[in-house]
Amino acid sequence: MDRSIQEIARLVGTTSRTLRHYDDIGLLPPSRVGGNGYRYYDDDTLVRLQRILLLRDLGLGLPAIADVLDREEDAEHALRSHLEWLHREQDRLARQIASVERTIDALEGGERLMAEQMFDGFDHTAYREEVEERWGKDAYAKGDAWWRSMSDDEKAAWQRRAAALGGDWIAAHERGIDPAGDEAQALAQRHFEWLRAIPGTPGGGEDGPTKEYFLGLAEMYVADERFGANYGGREGAEFVRDAMTVYAERRL
């Protein structure tokens, strides 16, 4: 059964404009176009759209998604492979949740933090291919060497710093402050300094991240739910992006 572009946009939570763009670039042609010019989508097209959304959630750009779809013609096999990845990611997130809950319990109870229990599920190497594809092998190698060089206590301190920054972003968004205002811009400055401290960050070091990298990262927080979750979800991520964008345009 064919479904109209408006129905598909509503089901997916996107816009007809986005679906028309996918058609224009050859990524998702409709199964047919009616005499009134409306686009319609059949089951095969919906499977392709699901694969597009899954790949987009991995952070791939549209050209890379098109390349993957062209190379993997067997949709069922590709979806099964992706399902395996989702199950692994689900397990990793469950371990992270348990790890963070243990840390919260220890902090609330005034207990000593057990560093060896704080990093279950935080395997940064899981994103190696993605980091190398986005920013190059050198960026991953420098970041990996930096992380491995730290002691457990240093890693714990870094995680606390990251969590505090994310928590302050969420609190600022919930209070409805202006992303261009002084408070949000101070958070954007903290974010900039946080990134500057990570070896391998494009343009990192004394000068800090490049404007292009800073803006690209801000957009990725919105596009990729894994990152958006650090800021309270999509709306929180959009607030962070807007504040970072203002900062980049003013300061970088």
Protein backbone atom coordinates (compact mmCIF):
# COMPACT_ATOMS: atom_id res chain seq x y z
CA MET A 1 0.00 0.00 0.00
CA ASP A 2 1.37 3.36 -1.04
CA ARG A 3 1.56 6.12 1.54
CA SER A 4 1.64 9.82 0.82
CA ILE A 5 4.64 11.99 1.56
CA GLN A 6 2.68 13.83 4.26
CA GLU A 7 1.83 10.53 6.02
CA ILE A 8 5.44 9.34 5.90
CA ALA A 9 6.73 12.66 7.20
CA ARG A 10 4.30 12.44 10.13
CA LEU A 11 5.24 8.83 10.94
CA VAL A 12 8.98 9.50 10.78
CA GLY A 13 8.84 12.81 12.62
CA THR A 14 10.44 14.74 9.78
CA THR A 15 9.20 17.15 7.12
CA SER A 16 7.96 16.74 3.58
CA ARG A 17 10.72 19.13 2.60
CA THR A 18 13.36 16.71 3.91
CA LEU A 19 11.83 13.81 1.99
CA ARG A 20 11.68 15.89 -1.18
CA HIS A 21 15.36 16.75 -0.68
CA TYR A 22 16.18 13.04 -0.38
CA ASP A 23 14.40 12.55 -3.69
CA ASP A 24 16.17 15.47 -5.35
CA ILE A 25 19.61 14.05 -4.54
CA GLY A 26 18.63 10.52 -5.59
CA LEU A 27 18.78 9.08 -2.08
CA LEU A 28 15.10 8.20 -1.70
CA PRO A 29 13.02 8.36 -4.88
CA PRO A 30 9.30 7.79 -4.26
CA SER A 31 7.76 4.59 -5.59
CA ARG A 32 5.46 6.69 -7.76
CA VAL A 33 4.35 10.25 -8.38
CA GLY A 34 0.64 10.88 -8.74
CA GLY A 35 -1.00 12.93 -11.44
CA ASN A 36 -1.27 15.74 -8.92
CA GLY A 37 2.51 15.70 -8.45
CA TYR A 38 2.35 14.15 -4.97
CA ARG A 39 4.98 11.59 -4.03
CA TYR A 40 3.97 8.16 -2.74
CA TYR A 41 6.03 5.49 -0.99
CA ASP A 42 5.61 1.69 -0.99
CA ASP A 43 7.01 -0.87 1.47
CA ASP A 44 10.36 -1.24 -0.32
CA THR A 45 10.86 2.51 -0.18
CA LEU A 46 10.01 2.56 3.52
CA VAL A 47 12.66 -0.09 4.20
CA ARG A 48 15.19 2.09 2.40
CA LEU A 49 14.09 5.10 4.47
CA GLN A 50 14.55 3.11 7.68
CA ARG A 51 18.08 2.23 6.63
CA ILE A 52 18.78 5.90 5.83
CA LEU A 53 17.63 6.96 9.29
CA LEU A 54 19.69 4.24 10.97
CA LEU A 55 22.82 5.30 9.12
CA ARG A 56 22.12 8.96 9.82
CA ASP A 57 21.92 8.15 13.53
CA LEU A 58 25.44 6.75 13.22
CA GLY A 59 26.54 10.21 12.15
CA LEU A 60 27.05 9.50 8.44
CA GLY A 61 26.47 12.31 5.99
CA LEU A 62 24.06 11.90 3.10
CA PRO A 63 26.77 11.18 0.47
CA ALA A 64 28.23 8.45 2.70
CA ILE A 65 24.76 6.99 3.28
CA ALA A 66 24.15 6.84 -0.47
CA ASP A 67 27.45 5.02 -0.93
CA VAL A 68 26.59 2.47 1.77
CA LEU A 69 23.16 1.80 0.27
CA ASP A 70 24.63 1.37 -3.19
CA ARG A 71 27.14 -1.17 -1.89
CA GLU A 72 24.67 -3.10 0.28
CA GLU A 73 21.86 -4.07 -2.03
CA ASP A 74 20.55 -6.83 0.27
CA ALA A 75 18.39 -4.75 2.62
CA GLU A 76 17.55 -7.64 4.95
CA HIS A 77 21.20 -8.58 5.45
CA ALA A 78 22.15 -4.94 6.05
CA LEU A 79 19.37 -4.47 8.59
CA ARG A 80 20.38 -7.63 10.46
CA SER A 81 23.95 -6.34 10.69
CA HIS A 82 22.70 -3.02 11.96
CA LEU A 83 20.43 -4.76 14.46
CA GLU A 84 23.44 -6.57 15.88
CA TRP A 85 25.18 -3.22 16.32
CA LEU A 86 22.10 -1.78 18.04
CA HIS A 87 22.03 -4.70 20.48
CA ARG A 88 25.71 -4.13 21.30
CA GLU A 89 25.05 -0.43 21.74
CA GLN A 90 22.08 -1.22 23.98
CA ASP A 91 24.30 -3.41 26.16
CA ARG A 92 27.01 -0.75 26.30
CA LEU A 93 24.50 1.94 27.33
CA ALA A 94 23.03 -0.35 30.01
CA ARG A 95 26.53 -0.81 31.45
CA GLN A 96 27.13 2.94 31.34
CA ILE A 97 23.85 3.59 33.16
CA ALA A 98 24.76 1.10 35.87
CA SER A 99 28.23 2.62 36.18
CA VAL A 100 26.89 6.17 36.54
CA GLU A 101 24.24 5.02 39.03
CA ARG A 102 26.97 3.46 41.18
CA THR A 103 28.91 6.72 41.08
CA ILE A 104 25.84 8.74 42.11
CA ASP A 105 25.11 6.34 44.96
CA ALA A 106 28.71 6.64 46.17
CA LEU A 107 28.66 10.44 46.00
CA GLU A 108 25.33 10.69 47.81
CA GLY A 109 26.45 8.23 50.47
CA GLY A 110 29.81 9.87 51.01
CA GLU A 111 31.55 6.68 49.99
CA ARG A 112 34.93 6.37 48.30
CA LEU A 113 34.72 6.26 44.50
CA MET A 114 35.94 2.97 43.02
CA ALA A 115 37.72 4.05 39.86
CA GLU A 116 37.89 0.51 38.50
CA GLN A 117 34.07 0.38 38.51
CA MET A 118 33.42 3.78 37.00
CA PHE A 119 34.25 3.14 33.38
CA ASP A 120 32.31 0.01 32.47
CA GLY A 121 30.70 0.75 29.12
CA PHE A 122 32.91 3.75 28.36
CA ASP A 123 35.01 2.02 25.71
CA HIS A 124 36.11 4.91 23.53
CA THR A 125 37.57 2.51 20.96
CA ALA A 126 34.02 1.58 19.94
CA TYR A 127 33.94 4.82 17.92
CA ARG A 128 37.33 4.43 16.31
CA GLU A 129 36.10 3.99 12.73
CA GLU A 130 33.62 6.83 13.10
CA VAL A 131 36.22 9.24 14.51
CA GLU A 132 38.75 8.31 11.84
CA GLU A 133 36.17 8.79 9.09
CA ARG A 134 35.10 12.19 10.41
CA TRP A 135 38.42 13.70 11.52
CA GLY A 136 41.22 11.40 10.37
CA LYS A 137 43.38 8.66 11.87
CA ASP A 138 45.77 11.14 13.46
CA ALA A 139 42.95 12.72 15.48
CA TYR A 140 41.91 9.32 16.85
CA ALA A 141 45.50 8.24 17.56
CA LYS A 142 46.27 11.39 19.56
CA GLY A 143 43.04 11.21 21.54
CA ASP A 144 43.50 7.51 22.22
CA ALA A 145 47.09 7.97 23.42
CA TRP A 146 46.03 10.85 25.66
CA TRP A 147 43.21 8.83 27.28
CA ARG A 148 45.37 5.76 27.84
CA SER A 149 48.11 7.88 29.41
CA MET A 150 45.83 9.01 32.24
CA SER A 151 45.51 7.28 35.59
CA ASP A 152 42.12 6.03 36.80
CA ASP A 153 41.79 9.07 39.07
CA GLU A 154 42.55 11.42 36.17
CA LYS A 155 39.98 9.67 34.02
CA ALA A 156 37.43 9.96 36.82
CA ALA A 157 38.16 13.68 37.13
CA TRP A 158 37.73 14.12 33.40
CA GLN A 159 34.40 12.30 33.45
CA ARG A 160 33.22 14.52 36.30
CA ARG A 161 34.22 17.62 34.35
CA ALA A 162 32.32 16.42 31.28
CA ALA A 163 29.27 15.48 33.36
CA ALA A 164 29.29 18.86 35.10
CA LEU A 165 29.44 20.69 31.77
CA GLY A 166 26.57 18.61 30.38
CA GLY A 167 24.52 19.16 33.54
CA ASP A 168 25.04 22.92 33.40
CA TRP A 169 23.96 22.97 29.74
CA ILE A 170 20.77 21.06 30.63
CA ALA A 171 20.01 23.35 33.59
CA ALA A 172 20.51 26.45 31.45
CA HIS A 173 18.16 25.15 28.79
CA GLU A 174 15.51 24.20 31.33
CA ARG A 175 15.59 27.75 32.72
CA GLY A 176 14.95 29.08 29.23
CA ILE A 177 17.89 31.45 29.06
CA ASP A 178 18.90 33.18 25.85
CA PRO A 179 21.55 31.16 23.94
CA ALA A 180 23.11 34.46 22.90
CA GLY A 181 23.14 35.81 26.46
CA ASP A 182 26.12 36.09 28.78
CA GLU A 183 25.37 32.91 30.77
CA ALA A 184 25.00 30.68 27.73
CA GLN A 185 28.06 32.24 26.13
CA ALA A 186 30.08 31.51 29.28
CA LEU A 187 29.04 27.86 28.91
CA ALA A 188 30.07 27.94 25.26
CA GLN A 189 33.46 29.27 26.37
CA ARG A 190 33.77 26.38 28.85
CA HIS A 191 32.86 23.99 26.05
CA PHE A 192 35.54 25.51 23.85
CA GLU A 193 38.15 25.18 26.58
CA TRP A 194 37.05 21.59 27.25
CA LEU A 195 37.57 20.67 23.60
CA ARG A 196 40.90 22.51 23.46
CA ALA A 197 42.21 20.25 26.22
CA ILE A 198 41.61 17.09 24.16
CA PRO A 199 44.59 16.14 21.96
CA GLY A 200 43.55 15.35 18.43
CA THR A 201 40.79 17.97 18.34
CA PRO A 202 41.06 19.64 14.90
CA GLY A 203 42.71 22.98 15.51
CA GLY A 204 43.24 22.08 19.17
CA GLY A 205 46.17 23.08 21.31
CA GLU A 206 46.92 26.68 22.20
CA ASP A 207 44.54 28.19 19.63
CA GLY A 208 41.68 25.80 20.37
CA PRO A 209 39.22 24.14 17.96
CA THR A 210 38.71 25.66 14.55
CA LYS A 211 35.50 27.51 13.81
CA GLU A 212 34.54 24.87 11.24
CA TYR A 213 35.04 22.03 13.72
CA PHE A 214 33.21 23.85 16.52
CA LEU A 215 30.20 24.57 14.29
CA GLY A 216 30.21 21.06 12.83
CA LEU A 217 30.26 19.53 16.30
CA ALA A 218 27.37 21.76 17.37
CA GLU A 219 25.29 20.51 14.45
CA MET A 220 26.23 16.91 15.21
CA TYR A 221 24.87 17.23 18.75
CA VAL A 222 21.44 17.79 17.18
CA ALA A 223 21.74 15.31 14.33
CA ASP A 224 23.05 12.41 16.42
CA GLU A 225 20.82 11.28 19.30
CA ARG A 226 23.76 9.68 21.08
CA PHE A 227 25.33 13.10 21.57
CA GLY A 228 22.02 14.90 22.09
CA ALA A 229 21.30 12.65 25.06
CA ASN A 230 24.17 14.34 26.92
CA TYR A 231 22.21 17.59 26.80
CA GLY A 232 18.75 16.36 27.72
CA GLY A 233 17.55 15.36 24.26
CA ARG A 234 17.01 17.13 20.97
CA GLU A 235 15.68 20.43 22.35
CA GLY A 236 18.57 20.67 24.78
CA ALA A 237 21.02 19.86 21.99
CA GLU A 238 19.47 22.57 19.84
CA PHE A 239 20.00 25.07 22.65
CA VAL A 240 23.67 24.01 22.91
CA ARG A 241 24.06 24.27 19.13
CA ASP A 242 22.55 27.76 19.06
CA ALA A 243 24.80 28.98 21.86
CA MET A 244 27.90 27.43 20.28
CA THR A 245 26.98 28.96 16.92
CA VAL A 246 26.72 32.43 18.41
CA TYR A 247 30.05 31.92 20.18
CA ALA A 248 31.75 30.75 17.00
CA GLU A 249 30.44 33.67 14.95
CA ARG A 250 31.52 36.19 17.59
CA ARG A 251 34.80 34.74 18.78
CA LEU A 252 36.31 32.34 16.22
